[in-house]
Amino acid sequence: MQSTKIPFVRTVLGDISPAEMGLTYSHEHIVIEESYPTLQYPLFLLNDVDKISKELKSFYDAGGRTMVDTMPADCGRNVLKLAEVSRRTGVHIIAPTGIHLEKYYLPNHWRYSYTEEQLTRLFIADVMIGIDANDYNGPNVDRTTHKAGMIKLATGDEKITAHQEKIFRAVVNTHLETGVPVLTHSNFGKHAIDQVNIFEKLGAHLAHVVISHVDRYEDIGYNRALLETGVRVEYDSAFRWKEKENWTYKLLQALLPDFPDQITMGMDAAKSSYWLSYGGKPGLNFLLTTFKDDLQKMDLVQYYENIFFKNPAQLYSFS
């Protein structure tokens, strides 16, 4: 019998239909609270609700409607501030659960001691019940009504470790149990194909998996092989290629015609120095202005709807 389930997207303020997402940035850092990561990287601190709301209101006024936040459990996530920014600006925000790179956690963090089952239960609770107001950073858990609409994991430069494989299993367990879409961090695209191999082995639905930062891997053949697996990719370095050749543009020119339904984009603007409201540049509207003009110059503007509307709506719908 054919399923009668209606697709939905889970935002911090509640579930919406995929059509309501509108223009979507697929990988952002909207709030990064004071935390272990910001002690190491002070520019990561993004916790001023007024400044954040000013930037996102500008995004909304320029036609933007949804952003995917990508700071997962206990490394700067603040779901209460995400919800407040969404209420103030009208921007739909998808909040994450999951686990980031090891370097963003203390060496004795619970991520290492928790079992696969414990991690799975924690992630499922974020998706189905609500994210802890304390972000699992204290002895008490005070669940909010704000649920996660995406689950994240990360691998670094080194070969994928046994610990990371445990995170993969817990993430895919949650994905298969709840239908929540999966986003991954790759360091400059490294181990992206290895990630896909693990996802396939564990039975994940690759149409609801997106691997981020792969445009930093300066190889068209590698990116093509990755897309041929059926997974989705997220490019976010269009504004970062200063004096060097813009590999984001080079990859889009080579691959968009063959894979128009698998490529999404964001800014990954995790530093305050990228935000106009913090006195930085280019500002989060870059993809709505300069980048759109550049697509026109590259004769790729016909793919704008795929990149920012169609592909995110399919990717971030619960499967």
Protein backbone atom coordinates (compact mmCIF):
# COMPACT_ATOMS: atom_id res chain seq x y z
CA MET A 1 0.00 0.00 0.00
CA GLN A 2 1.32 3.45 -0.88
CA SER A 3 2.33 5.64 2.08
CA THR A 4 -0.04 8.48 2.92
CA LYS A 5 2.48 10.36 5.07
CA ILE A 6 2.70 14.05 4.18
CA PRO A 7 6.28 15.42 3.93
CA PHE A 8 7.17 18.12 6.45
CA VAL A 9 10.13 20.22 7.54
CA ARG A 10 10.79 20.64 11.27
CA THR A 11 11.75 24.17 12.35
CA VAL A 12 12.40 25.54 15.81
CA LEU A 13 8.92 27.09 15.84
CA GLY A 14 7.12 24.03 14.52
CA ASP A 15 6.60 21.89 11.45
CA ILE A 16 5.98 23.48 8.04
CA SER A 17 5.37 22.12 4.57
CA PRO A 18 8.40 21.93 2.24
CA ALA A 19 6.75 24.54 0.01
CA GLU A 20 6.84 27.03 2.90
CA MET A 21 10.64 26.91 3.11
CA GLY A 22 11.07 29.31 0.22
CA LEU A 23 14.61 30.46 -0.52
CA THR A 24 16.91 28.43 1.73
CA TYR A 25 20.53 28.64 2.86
CA SER A 26 21.52 25.04 3.57
CA HIS A 27 24.44 25.45 6.01
CA GLU A 28 24.73 28.35 8.46
CA HIS A 29 25.88 29.18 11.97
CA ILE A 30 23.21 31.52 13.26
CA VAL A 31 23.92 31.28 16.98
CA ILE A 32 27.16 30.15 18.60
CA GLU A 33 26.92 30.65 22.34
CA GLU A 34 29.85 31.08 24.74
CA SER A 35 31.30 27.59 24.84
CA TYR A 36 34.44 25.53 24.47
CA PRO A 37 34.67 26.34 20.72
CA THR A 38 34.45 30.10 21.29
CA LEU A 39 37.22 29.93 23.90
CA GLN A 40 39.47 28.52 21.18
CA TYR A 41 38.11 30.68 18.35
CA PRO A 42 36.74 34.01 19.66
CA LEU A 43 35.44 35.02 16.21
CA PHE A 44 33.00 32.10 16.45
CA LEU A 45 31.06 33.92 19.16
CA LEU A 46 27.66 34.77 17.64
CA ASN A 47 25.29 35.26 20.56
CA ASP A 48 23.97 38.83 20.29
CA VAL A 49 20.29 38.35 19.43
CA ASP A 50 19.90 41.96 18.29
CA LYS A 51 22.79 41.78 15.82
CA ILE A 52 21.81 38.33 14.60
CA SER A 53 18.21 39.44 14.10
CA LYS A 54 19.33 42.52 12.17
CA GLU A 55 21.32 40.35 9.73
CA LEU A 56 18.54 37.79 9.29
CA LYS A 57 15.91 40.49 8.85
CA SER A 58 18.01 41.84 5.98
CA PHE A 59 18.12 38.31 4.55
CA TYR A 60 14.32 38.09 4.85
CA ASP A 61 13.79 41.49 3.23
CA ALA A 62 15.97 40.38 0.30
CA GLY A 63 13.77 37.32 -0.27
CA GLY A 64 15.37 34.72 2.02
CA ARG A 65 13.03 32.54 4.04
CA THR A 66 14.87 29.61 5.67
CA MET A 67 18.29 28.92 7.19
CA VAL A 68 19.72 25.65 8.46
CA ASP A 69 21.74 26.13 11.65
CA THR A 70 24.58 23.62 12.02
CA MET A 71 25.97 23.89 15.57
CA PRO A 72 24.88 20.59 17.17
CA ALA A 73 24.74 19.35 20.75
CA ASP A 74 26.83 20.99 23.48
CA CYS A 75 29.26 23.04 21.40
CA GLY A 76 27.55 26.43 21.30
CA ARG A 77 23.97 25.53 20.41
CA ASN A 78 21.33 27.76 22.02
CA VAL A 79 17.87 26.73 20.85
CA LEU A 80 16.11 29.44 22.87
CA LYS A 81 18.02 32.15 21.00
CA LEU A 82 17.40 30.42 17.68
CA ALA A 83 13.68 30.47 18.42
CA GLU A 84 13.79 34.14 19.44
CA VAL A 85 15.63 35.14 16.25
CA SER A 86 13.08 33.21 14.18
CA ARG A 87 10.18 34.95 15.90
CA ARG A 88 11.74 38.39 15.45
CA THR A 89 12.68 38.03 11.78
CA GLY A 90 10.18 35.63 10.23
CA VAL A 91 13.04 33.42 9.00
CA HIS A 92 12.38 29.69 9.41
CA ILE A 93 15.30 28.11 11.26
CA ILE A 94 16.09 24.41 11.23
CA ALA A 95 17.97 23.50 14.41
CA PRO A 96 20.44 20.61 14.58
CA THR A 97 21.12 17.72 16.85
CA GLY A 98 24.11 15.39 16.56
CA ILE A 99 27.83 15.84 17.24
CA HIS A 100 30.53 18.06 15.71
CA LEU A 101 34.28 17.56 15.31
CA GLU A 102 36.23 16.28 18.32
CA LYS A 103 38.23 19.51 18.60
CA TYR A 104 35.08 21.37 19.68
CA TYR A 105 34.71 19.25 22.84
CA LEU A 106 36.79 18.69 25.96
CA PRO A 107 38.75 15.42 25.97
CA ASN A 108 36.53 13.99 28.74
CA HIS A 109 33.23 14.97 27.10
CA TRP A 110 30.28 12.58 27.36
CA ARG A 111 30.38 11.97 23.60
CA TYR A 112 33.25 9.56 24.24
CA SER A 113 31.71 7.60 27.12
CA TYR A 114 28.10 7.40 25.94
CA THR A 115 27.16 4.21 24.15
CA GLU A 116 25.61 4.09 20.71
CA GLU A 117 22.24 3.46 22.35
CA GLN A 118 22.61 6.42 24.74
CA LEU A 119 23.58 8.77 21.91
CA THR A 120 20.68 7.49 19.80
CA ARG A 121 18.18 8.13 22.60
CA LEU A 122 19.55 11.64 23.15
CA PHE A 123 19.33 12.51 19.45
CA ILE A 124 15.84 11.06 19.09
CA ALA A 125 14.67 13.08 22.09
CA ASP A 126 15.97 16.27 20.45
CA VAL A 127 14.01 15.47 17.29
CA MET A 128 10.81 14.12 18.80
CA ILE A 129 10.43 15.83 22.21
CA GLY A 130 12.51 18.99 22.33
CA ILE A 131 16.08 20.25 22.78
CA ASP A 132 17.45 20.75 26.29
CA ALA A 133 17.50 24.41 27.29
CA ASN A 134 20.90 23.75 28.92
CA ASP A 135 22.17 21.91 25.83
CA TYR A 136 23.33 18.94 27.93
CA ASN A 137 25.92 21.15 29.58
CA GLY A 138 24.78 20.53 33.15
CA PRO A 139 23.32 17.91 35.47
CA ASN A 140 19.70 18.83 34.72
CA VAL A 141 17.82 18.36 31.46
CA ASP A 142 15.06 20.90 30.84
CA ARG A 143 13.48 20.08 27.50
CA THR A 144 11.99 22.94 25.51
CA THR A 145 9.27 22.69 22.89
CA HIS A 146 11.83 23.48 20.18
CA LYS A 147 12.76 20.36 18.21
CA ALA A 148 15.69 19.50 15.98
CA GLY A 149 14.99 19.24 12.25
CA MET A 150 18.40 17.95 11.18
CA ILE A 151 21.13 15.71 12.59
CA LYS A 152 24.84 16.36 12.08
CA LEU A 153 28.10 14.46 12.28
CA ALA A 154 31.67 15.36 11.33
CA THR A 155 34.92 13.81 10.24
CA GLY A 156 38.30 15.51 10.10
CA ASP A 157 41.59 15.13 8.25
CA GLU A 158 42.49 11.76 9.71
CA LYS A 159 41.07 8.43 8.65
CA ILE A 160 37.58 7.86 10.06
CA THR A 161 37.98 6.48 13.58
CA ALA A 162 36.11 3.85 15.58
CA HIS A 163 34.67 6.61 17.76
CA GLN A 164 33.37 8.45 14.71
CA GLU A 165 31.85 5.22 13.42
CA LYS A 166 29.89 5.02 16.69
CA ILE A 167 28.57 8.53 15.98
CA PHE A 168 27.63 7.43 12.44
CA ARG A 169 25.63 4.51 13.83
CA ALA A 170 23.77 6.67 16.35
CA VAL A 171 23.03 9.29 13.69
CA VAL A 172 21.72 6.74 11.19
CA ASN A 173 19.71 5.01 13.93
CA THR A 174 18.02 8.35 14.60
CA HIS A 175 17.58 9.08 10.89
CA LEU A 176 15.91 5.72 10.27
CA GLU A 177 13.73 5.90 13.40
CA THR A 178 12.48 9.48 12.91
CA GLY A 179 13.06 10.36 9.24
CA VAL A 180 15.24 13.34 10.22
CA PRO A 181 17.61 14.45 7.42
CA VAL A 182 21.39 14.19 7.89
CA LEU A 183 24.07 16.83 7.33
CA THR A 184 27.79 16.15 7.64
CA HIS A 185 30.91 18.22 8.01
CA SER A 186 33.89 17.23 5.88
CA ASN A 187 37.24 18.95 6.21
CA PHE A 188 37.70 20.50 2.76
CA GLY A 189 35.77 17.57 1.28
CA LYS A 190 38.13 14.95 2.68
CA HIS A 191 36.65 11.50 3.31
CA ALA A 192 33.34 12.50 1.70
CA ILE A 193 33.16 9.30 -0.33
CA ASP A 194 34.17 7.29 2.76
CA GLN A 195 31.25 8.93 4.57
CA VAL A 196 28.88 7.85 1.79
CA ASN A 197 30.17 4.29 1.98
CA ILE A 198 29.35 4.15 5.69
CA PHE A 199 25.91 5.66 5.14
CA GLU A 200 25.14 3.12 2.43
CA LYS A 201 26.30 0.25 4.65
CA LEU A 202 24.04 1.47 7.47
CA GLY A 203 21.01 1.90 5.20
CA ALA A 204 20.65 5.70 5.23
CA HIS A 205 18.51 7.36 2.56
CA LEU A 206 21.12 9.26 0.54
CA ALA A 207 18.55 11.68 -0.91
CA HIS A 208 18.20 12.99 2.67
CA VAL A 209 21.95 13.16 3.35
CA VAL A 210 24.05 16.22 2.48
CA ILE A 211 27.84 16.45 2.75
CA SER A 212 29.14 19.95 3.36
CA HIS A 213 32.21 21.94 2.27
CA VAL A 214 33.05 19.71 -0.68
CA ASP A 215 33.75 22.70 -2.93
CA ARG A 216 37.02 23.07 -1.02
CA TYR A 217 38.18 19.82 -2.62
CA GLU A 218 39.80 21.16 -5.79
CA ASP A 219 39.02 18.21 -8.04
CA ILE A 220 36.11 18.02 -10.47
CA GLY A 221 36.45 14.25 -10.85
CA TYR A 222 36.23 13.70 -7.09
CA ASN A 223 33.13 15.87 -6.79
CA ARG A 224 31.59 14.11 -9.79
CA ALA A 225 32.24 10.67 -8.27
CA LEU A 226 30.66 11.83 -5.03
CA LEU A 227 27.53 13.10 -6.78
CA GLU A 228 27.26 9.89 -8.79
CA THR A 229 26.55 8.05 -5.50
CA GLY A 230 23.24 9.94 -5.26
CA VAL A 231 24.14 11.87 -2.11
CA ARG A 232 23.58 15.63 -1.97
CA VAL A 233 26.38 18.15 -1.51
CA GLU A 234 26.54 21.63 -0.02
CA TYR A 235 28.95 24.26 -1.36
CA ASP A 236 29.69 27.32 0.77
CA SER A 237 33.00 28.89 -0.22
CA ALA A 238 31.98 31.09 -3.15
CA PHE A 239 33.02 34.21 -1.18
CA ARG A 240 36.22 32.71 0.26
CA TRP A 241 38.40 32.32 -2.85
CA LYS A 242 40.30 35.60 -2.62
CA GLU A 243 43.29 35.64 -4.97
CA LYS A 244 42.96 31.99 -5.96
CA GLU A 245 40.79 30.61 -8.72
CA ASN A 246 37.19 30.32 -7.52
CA TRP A 247 36.75 26.56 -7.31
CA THR A 248 33.15 26.86 -6.17
CA TYR A 249 32.32 28.50 -9.49
CA LYS A 250 34.50 26.05 -11.42
CA LEU A 251 32.67 23.08 -9.86
CA LEU A 252 29.24 24.61 -10.45
CA GLN A 253 30.04 25.18 -14.10
CA ALA A 254 31.23 21.62 -14.53
CA LEU A 255 28.61 19.79 -12.46
CA LEU A 256 25.33 21.71 -12.26
CA PRO A 257 24.19 20.68 -15.77
CA ASP A 258 24.63 16.98 -14.91
CA PHE A 259 23.52 17.07 -11.25
CA PRO A 260 20.98 19.92 -10.98
CA ASP A 261 18.98 18.17 -8.23
CA GLN A 262 21.81 17.39 -5.80
CA ILE A 263 23.66 20.66 -5.15
CA THR A 264 22.71 23.07 -2.36
CA MET A 265 24.51 26.14 -1.06
CA GLY A 266 25.09 28.15 2.07
CA MET A 267 27.57 30.59 3.56
CA ASP A 268 28.87 28.64 6.59
CA ALA A 269 29.55 32.10 8.03
CA ALA A 270 30.69 30.92 11.45
CA LYS A 271 32.83 34.00 12.17
CA SER A 272 31.49 37.38 13.27
CA SER A 273 33.95 38.95 10.80
CA TYR A 274 31.68 37.71 7.96
CA TRP A 275 28.55 39.47 9.30
CA LEU A 276 27.68 43.07 8.39
CA SER A 277 25.83 43.48 11.68
CA TYR A 278 29.07 42.69 13.53
CA GLY A 279 31.07 45.10 11.35
CA GLY A 280 32.39 42.41 9.00
CA LYS A 281 31.88 41.45 5.36
CA PRO A 282 30.56 40.28 2.90
CA GLY A 283 27.35 39.79 4.92
CA LEU A 284 24.88 36.94 4.70
CA ASN A 285 23.09 38.40 1.67
CA PHE A 286 26.08 37.59 -0.55
CA LEU A 287 24.34 34.61 -2.17
CA LEU A 288 21.26 36.73 -2.94
CA THR A 289 23.24 39.51 -4.59
CA THR A 290 26.82 39.03 -5.82
CA PHE A 291 26.52 35.27 -6.24
CA LYS A 292 23.25 35.51 -8.17
CA ASP A 293 24.83 38.06 -10.50
CA ASP A 294 27.80 35.73 -10.98
CA LEU A 295 25.49 32.83 -11.85
CA GLN A 296 24.01 35.05 -14.56
CA LYS A 297 27.49 35.79 -15.92
CA MET A 298 28.32 32.06 -15.95
CA ASP A 299 25.04 31.30 -17.76
CA LEU A 300 23.91 29.18 -14.80
CA VAL A 301 21.09 31.33 -13.44
CA GLN A 302 18.55 28.75 -14.64
CA TYR A 303 19.73 26.53 -11.75
CA TYR A 304 19.05 29.15 -9.06
CA GLU A 305 15.63 27.67 -8.25
CA ASN A 306 17.14 24.19 -7.87
CA ILE A 307 19.95 25.34 -5.59
CA PHE A 308 17.90 27.50 -3.24
CA PHE A 309 14.31 26.22 -3.48
CA LYS A 310 13.75 22.75 -4.93
CA ASN A 311 16.81 20.89 -3.64
CA PRO A 312 16.67 22.09 0.00
CA ALA A 313 12.92 21.41 0.16
CA GLN A 314 13.50 17.81 -0.90
CA LEU A 315 16.62 17.32 1.22
CA TYR A 316 15.29 18.72 4.50
CA SER A 317 11.89 17.05 4.34
CA PHE A 318 11.51 14.20 6.79
CA SER A 319 11.77 10.96 4.83
